[in-house]
Amino acid sequence: MRRLARDAPTRGGASRPQGLVVTVGDGSPPNPEAFSNVFQTLVKRAGLRPIRLHDLRHSYATAALASGVPVKVVSQRIGHADIGVTLKVYAHVMPGDDKDAALRADAMKLTELVDTLGL
């Protein structure tokens, strides 16, 4: 796979109008099942628990959002058409949103109280 990715810019040229990163010898996209089979072989060889290739997408999105990467950036990187899809699927992993909202609400109440009392 590394060889395919490394050689991709020099192979195919104009015969790769789709801008693919990995291709087979004639410049066409690889069979998805074959690609998944290679991935499964690498997973086994590395001694990892079974995981589907598609699961890496979710793992990336979850880890990125949990570490504070902006949802718009994650949404674009995983190919969602709009940010709403990403928010629906991954809102539960976004750190501190609820706590941050509560702290801001408390700060607003405190500010209003200070203003009301003329302090």
Protein backbone atom coordinates (compact mmCIF):
# COMPACT_ATOMS: atom_id res chain seq x y z
CA MET A 1 0.00 0.00 0.00
CA ARG A 2 2.84 2.38 0.80
CA ARG A 3 4.31 1.69 -2.63
CA LEU A 4 0.95 2.41 -4.26
CA ALA A 5 0.61 5.71 -2.41
CA ARG A 6 4.25 6.63 -3.08
CA ASP A 7 4.05 5.83 -6.79
CA ALA A 8 0.58 7.32 -7.33
CA PRO A 9 1.79 10.76 -8.50
CA THR A 10 3.99 9.23 -11.20
CA ARG A 11 1.57 6.53 -12.32
CA GLY A 12 -1.48 7.10 -14.42
CA GLY A 13 -1.07 10.84 -14.92
CA ALA A 14 -3.98 12.02 -17.05
CA SER A 15 -5.58 8.58 -16.82
CA ARG A 16 -6.41 9.35 -13.17
CA PRO A 17 -8.94 12.16 -13.57
CA GLN A 18 -10.59 11.33 -10.23
CA GLY A 19 -7.49 12.43 -8.29
CA LEU A 20 -7.22 9.10 -6.50
CA VAL A 21 -4.42 8.53 -4.00
CA VAL A 22 -4.42 4.73 -4.35
CA THR A 23 -5.00 3.02 -7.69
CA VAL A 24 -4.42 -0.32 -9.35
CA GLY A 25 -1.99 -0.71 -12.26
CA ASP A 26 -4.27 0.87 -14.88
CA GLY A 27 -5.03 3.94 -12.74
CA SER A 28 -8.51 2.82 -11.74
CA PRO A 29 -9.69 2.69 -8.13
CA PRO A 30 -9.04 -0.52 -6.22
CA ASN A 31 -11.90 -2.91 -5.48
CA PRO A 32 -13.23 -1.82 -2.05
CA GLU A 33 -13.42 -5.42 -0.86
CA ALA A 34 -9.80 -6.05 -1.84
CA PHE A 35 -8.77 -2.85 -0.05
CA SER A 36 -10.65 -3.99 3.08
CA ASN A 37 -9.03 -7.42 2.86
CA VAL A 38 -5.56 -5.86 2.80
CA PHE A 39 -6.53 -3.74 5.80
CA GLN A 40 -7.75 -6.82 7.71
CA THR A 41 -4.47 -8.60 6.96
CA LEU A 42 -2.53 -5.63 8.35
CA VAL A 43 -4.74 -5.52 11.46
CA LYS A 44 -4.12 -9.21 12.15
CA ARG A 45 -0.40 -8.88 11.47
CA ALA A 46 -0.22 -6.00 13.95
CA GLY A 47 -1.98 -8.08 16.59
CA LEU A 48 -4.88 -5.66 16.92
CA ARG A 49 -8.44 -6.60 17.73
CA PRO A 50 -10.67 -6.91 14.64
CA ILE A 51 -11.88 -3.55 13.37
CA ARG A 52 -13.51 -2.57 10.10
CA LEU A 53 -11.78 -0.03 7.90
CA HIS A 54 -14.86 2.21 8.19
CA ASP A 55 -14.55 2.13 11.98
CA LEU A 56 -11.32 4.11 11.70
CA ARG A 57 -13.37 7.04 10.46
CA HIS A 58 -15.47 7.00 13.62
CA SER A 59 -12.42 6.48 15.81
CA TYR A 60 -10.74 9.50 14.24
CA ALA A 61 -13.81 11.72 14.57
CA THR A 62 -14.39 10.71 18.18
CA ALA A 63 -10.76 11.24 19.20
CA ALA A 64 -10.47 14.53 17.32
CA LEU A 65 -13.62 16.01 18.83
CA ALA A 66 -12.78 14.76 22.32
CA SER A 67 -9.41 16.49 22.06
CA GLY A 68 -10.99 19.80 21.07
CA VAL A 69 -10.60 19.88 17.27
CA PRO A 70 -13.35 22.19 15.99
CA VAL A 71 -16.42 20.30 14.78
CA LYS A 72 -16.31 22.11 11.42
CA VAL A 73 -12.79 20.83 10.77
CA VAL A 74 -13.70 17.25 11.74
CA SER A 75 -16.85 17.42 9.62
CA GLN A 76 -14.84 18.46 6.57
CA ARG A 77 -12.10 15.87 7.16
CA ILE A 78 -14.51 12.95 7.41
CA GLY A 79 -16.50 14.13 4.40
CA HIS A 80 -19.85 15.05 5.91
CA ALA A 81 -21.98 17.22 3.62
CA ASP A 82 -22.79 19.58 6.47
CA ILE A 83 -21.81 20.14 10.07
CA GLY A 84 -25.28 19.13 11.32
CA VAL A 85 -24.61 15.48 10.49
CA THR A 86 -21.40 15.55 12.51
CA LEU A 87 -23.12 17.23 15.45
CA LYS A 88 -25.94 14.66 15.48
CA VAL A 89 -23.58 11.70 15.44
CA TYR A 90 -20.78 12.96 17.70
CA ALA A 91 -22.27 15.58 20.05
CA HIS A 92 -21.92 13.23 23.01
CA VAL A 93 -18.12 13.21 22.78
CA MET A 94 -17.56 16.94 22.60
CA PRO A 95 -15.79 17.88 25.84
CA GLY A 96 -17.07 20.44 28.25
CA ASP A 97 -19.97 21.78 26.20
CA ASP A 98 -22.52 21.23 28.97
CA LYS A 99 -20.19 22.42 31.72
CA ASP A 100 -19.18 25.47 29.66
CA ALA A 101 -22.83 26.35 29.05
CA ALA A 102 -23.61 26.08 32.76
CA LEU A 103 -20.64 28.24 33.72
CA ARG A 104 -21.62 30.91 31.20
CA ALA A 105 -25.21 30.89 32.44
CA ASP A 106 -24.01 31.25 36.02
CA ALA A 107 -21.71 34.10 35.02
CA MET A 108 -24.61 35.89 33.30
CA LYS A 109 -26.81 35.52 36.40
CA LEU A 110 -24.04 36.85 38.61
CA THR A 111 -23.53 39.81 36.29
CA GLU A 112 -27.28 40.54 36.31
CA LEU A 113 -27.36 40.33 40.12
CA VAL A 114 -24.40 42.71 40.44
CA ASP A 115 -26.09 45.14 38.03
CA THR A 116 -29.45 44.87 39.84
CA LEU A 117 -27.87 45.55 43.21
CA GLY A 118 -25.80 48.38 41.76
CA LEU A 119 -22.54 46.90 42.93
